Amino acid sequence: MKHTDFGLMPCPIARSLGKVGEWWSILILRDAFYGLTRFDEFEKSLKIAPNMLTRRLAGLVASGLMEKRQYSARPPRYEYLLTAEGRAFKPVLLAFIAWGNEHLAPEGASLLVVNRETGEPATQILIDANSGRAISDEDYMFAPGPAANDVMRMRLAQAGKQL
């Protein structure tokens, strides 16, 4: 079975899934934000088979989200560090936390984002940096960008451009 290359699709959601759409990859990125860098740390944290972890780390390196750096010559050992592109994934993880806590945790939140000084939990919302306003269905909609193709324009027209 041939794997679909989402990276060639004009949709930014599809392209993003092409880089990190596999759950192990997202969990590896999560653990990297927690400070893990070494193969054995990821393996222990995720309880993932070594061959699967090797493939996922290689994919994250190839996609530019992590870099592989040797930290020991004898024996050769490597650590995996987030790149600038990998660090830019953090808002996506924050959105997963907020959504998961709200919709998938009837027992209550197991992970919070809190203010470093006060310890108060953050209430996450998306903000338009240009206006400072919360992005809502009432005030914002999807619109084709300058590089949108005919398929994207038709899809948005048919969907009513709702958020």
Protein backbone atom coordinates (compact mmCIF):
# COMPACT_ATOMS: atom_id res chain seq x y z
CA MET A 1 0.00 0.00 0.00
CA LYS A 2 1.43 3.37 -1.05
CA HIS A 3 1.53 6.11 1.56
CA THR A 4 -0.16 9.38 0.56
CA ASP A 5 2.22 12.35 0.64
CA PHE A 6 0.22 14.99 2.50
CA GLY A 7 3.13 17.40 2.12
CA LEU A 8 2.16 17.96 -1.51
CA MET A 9 -1.43 18.94 -0.69
CA PRO A 10 -2.30 22.65 -0.71
CA CYS A 11 -4.09 22.49 2.66
CA PRO A 12 -1.96 23.57 5.68
CA ILE A 13 -3.76 21.02 7.87
CA ALA A 14 -2.87 18.18 5.50
CA ARG A 15 0.74 19.38 5.24
CA SER A 16 1.01 19.55 9.02
CA LEU A 17 -0.34 16.02 9.34
CA GLY A 18 2.28 14.93 6.83
CA LYS A 19 4.95 16.02 9.31
CA VAL A 20 3.48 15.03 12.67
CA GLY A 21 0.21 13.20 12.03
CA GLU A 22 1.34 9.91 13.51
CA TRP A 23 0.57 9.65 17.25
CA TRP A 24 4.02 8.40 18.27
CA SER A 25 5.60 11.45 16.65
CA ILE A 26 3.37 13.81 18.60
CA LEU A 27 4.11 11.96 21.85
CA ILE A 28 7.86 12.11 21.14
CA LEU A 29 7.54 15.87 20.60
CA ARG A 30 5.57 16.12 23.86
CA ASP A 31 8.34 14.31 25.72
CA ALA A 32 10.96 16.52 24.08
CA PHE A 33 9.13 19.54 25.51
CA TYR A 34 9.26 17.81 28.90
CA GLY A 35 13.06 17.78 28.48
CA LEU A 36 13.76 14.25 27.24
CA THR A 37 16.51 14.02 24.61
CA ARG A 38 17.93 10.51 24.64
CA PHE A 39 16.69 7.36 22.92
CA ASP A 40 16.46 5.37 26.14
CA GLU A 41 14.52 8.20 27.83
CA PHE A 42 11.92 8.24 25.04
CA GLU A 43 11.77 4.45 25.01
CA LYS A 44 11.17 4.25 28.76
CA SER A 45 8.65 7.09 28.84
CA LEU A 46 6.59 5.89 25.88
CA LYS A 47 7.03 2.13 26.31
CA ILE A 48 7.55 1.96 22.55
CA ALA A 49 9.38 -0.76 20.62
CA PRO A 50 12.95 0.28 19.74
CA ASN A 51 12.45 -0.26 16.00
CA MET A 52 9.32 1.93 16.02
CA LEU A 53 11.08 4.64 18.04
CA THR A 54 14.04 4.55 15.64
CA ARG A 55 11.69 5.10 12.68
CA ARG A 56 9.75 7.89 14.35
CA LEU A 57 12.86 9.75 15.51
CA ALA A 58 14.37 9.41 12.02
CA GLY A 59 11.15 10.83 10.56
CA LEU A 60 11.18 13.79 12.94
CA VAL A 61 14.82 14.48 12.05
CA ALA A 62 14.13 14.14 8.32
CA SER A 63 11.17 16.51 8.57
CA GLY A 64 13.26 19.13 10.38
CA LEU A 65 11.44 19.03 13.72
CA MET A 66 14.35 17.47 15.62
CA GLU A 67 18.08 17.22 15.14
CA LYS A 68 20.25 14.24 16.00
CA ARG A 69 23.45 15.14 17.85
CA GLN A 70 26.16 12.74 19.03
CA TYR A 71 26.98 13.09 22.72
CA SER A 72 29.25 10.04 23.14
CA ALA A 73 31.83 8.56 20.76
CA ARG A 74 32.51 5.30 22.63
CA PRO A 75 30.02 3.83 22.34
CA PRO A 76 28.31 6.13 19.84
CA ARG A 77 25.26 7.67 21.49
CA TYR A 78 22.93 10.38 20.22
CA GLU A 79 20.45 12.83 21.62
CA TYR A 80 17.47 14.29 19.82
CA LEU A 81 16.84 17.99 20.21
CA LEU A 82 13.98 20.17 19.06
CA THR A 83 14.81 22.51 16.19
CA ALA A 84 13.25 25.97 15.85
CA GLU A 85 10.55 24.33 13.71
CA GLY A 86 10.00 21.70 16.40
CA ARG A 87 9.75 24.32 19.14
CA ALA A 88 7.16 26.14 17.01
CA PHE A 89 4.92 23.06 17.45
CA LYS A 90 4.33 23.97 21.12
CA PRO A 91 1.03 25.86 20.55
CA VAL A 92 -0.37 22.71 18.92
CA LEU A 93 0.51 20.69 22.03
CA LEU A 94 -1.03 23.38 24.23
CA ALA A 95 -4.23 23.11 22.17
CA PHE A 96 -4.21 19.31 22.62
CA ILE A 97 -3.92 19.79 26.40
CA ALA A 98 -6.82 22.27 26.54
CA TRP A 99 -9.06 20.20 24.26
CA GLY A 100 -8.23 16.92 25.99
CA ASN A 101 -8.85 18.36 29.46
CA GLU A 102 -12.19 19.83 28.37
CA HIS A 103 -13.56 16.92 26.35
CA LEU A 104 -11.73 13.73 27.32
CA ALA A 105 -11.07 13.92 31.07
CA PRO A 106 -14.28 13.29 33.04
CA GLU A 107 -12.08 12.46 36.04
CA GLY A 108 -10.43 15.89 35.84
CA ALA A 109 -7.28 17.32 34.33
CA SER A 110 -4.02 15.40 34.77
CA LEU A 111 -1.91 18.14 33.16
CA LEU A 112 -2.33 21.89 33.43
CA VAL A 113 -0.64 24.93 31.96
CA VAL A 114 -0.05 27.33 34.86
CA ASN A 115 1.41 30.78 35.42
CA ARG A 116 5.02 30.43 36.66
CA GLU A 117 4.62 33.17 39.29
CA THR A 118 1.13 32.52 40.63
CA GLY A 119 0.58 28.85 39.83
CA GLU A 120 -2.86 29.78 38.50
CA PRO A 121 -4.09 27.59 35.64
CA ALA A 122 -4.21 29.31 32.26
CA THR A 123 -7.41 29.49 30.28
CA GLN A 124 -6.32 29.05 26.70
CA ILE A 125 -7.97 30.88 23.83
CA LEU A 126 -6.84 31.75 20.33
CA ILE A 127 -6.14 35.45 19.87
CA ASP A 128 -5.82 37.49 16.69
CA ALA A 129 -2.46 39.18 17.27
CA ASN A 130 -3.49 42.05 14.95
CA SER A 131 -6.60 43.04 16.90
CA GLY A 132 -6.10 41.35 20.28
CA ARG A 133 -9.57 39.81 19.94
CA ALA A 134 -10.44 36.19 20.63
CA ILE A 135 -10.94 34.21 17.42
CA SER A 136 -14.57 33.12 17.40
CA ASP A 137 -17.06 31.75 14.87
CA GLU A 138 -19.03 34.98 15.10
CA ASP A 139 -16.15 37.26 14.09
CA TYR A 140 -13.80 35.11 11.99
CA MET A 141 -14.06 32.69 9.07
CA PHE A 142 -11.85 30.68 6.74
CA ALA A 143 -10.81 32.41 3.54
CA PRO A 144 -8.62 31.34 0.63
CA GLY A 145 -5.05 32.57 0.85
CA PRO A 146 -2.97 33.94 -2.01
CA ALA A 147 -1.71 30.45 -2.93
CA ALA A 148 -5.13 28.76 -2.75
CA ASN A 149 -5.92 26.57 -5.74
CA ASP A 150 -9.34 26.07 -7.32
CA VAL A 151 -10.06 23.01 -5.14
CA MET A 152 -9.40 24.99 -1.95
CA ARG A 153 -11.54 27.90 -3.17
CA MET A 154 -14.40 25.55 -4.09
CA ARG A 155 -14.15 23.69 -0.77
CA LEU A 156 -14.39 26.97 1.17
CA ALA A 157 -17.25 28.23 -0.96
CA GLN A 158 -19.23 25.00 -0.42
CA ALA A 159 -18.50 24.90 3.30
CA GLY A 160 -19.68 28.43 3.96
CA LYS A 161 -16.24 29.34 5.35
CA GLN A 162 -17.22 28.58 8.94
CA LEU A 163 -14.61 28.28 11.67
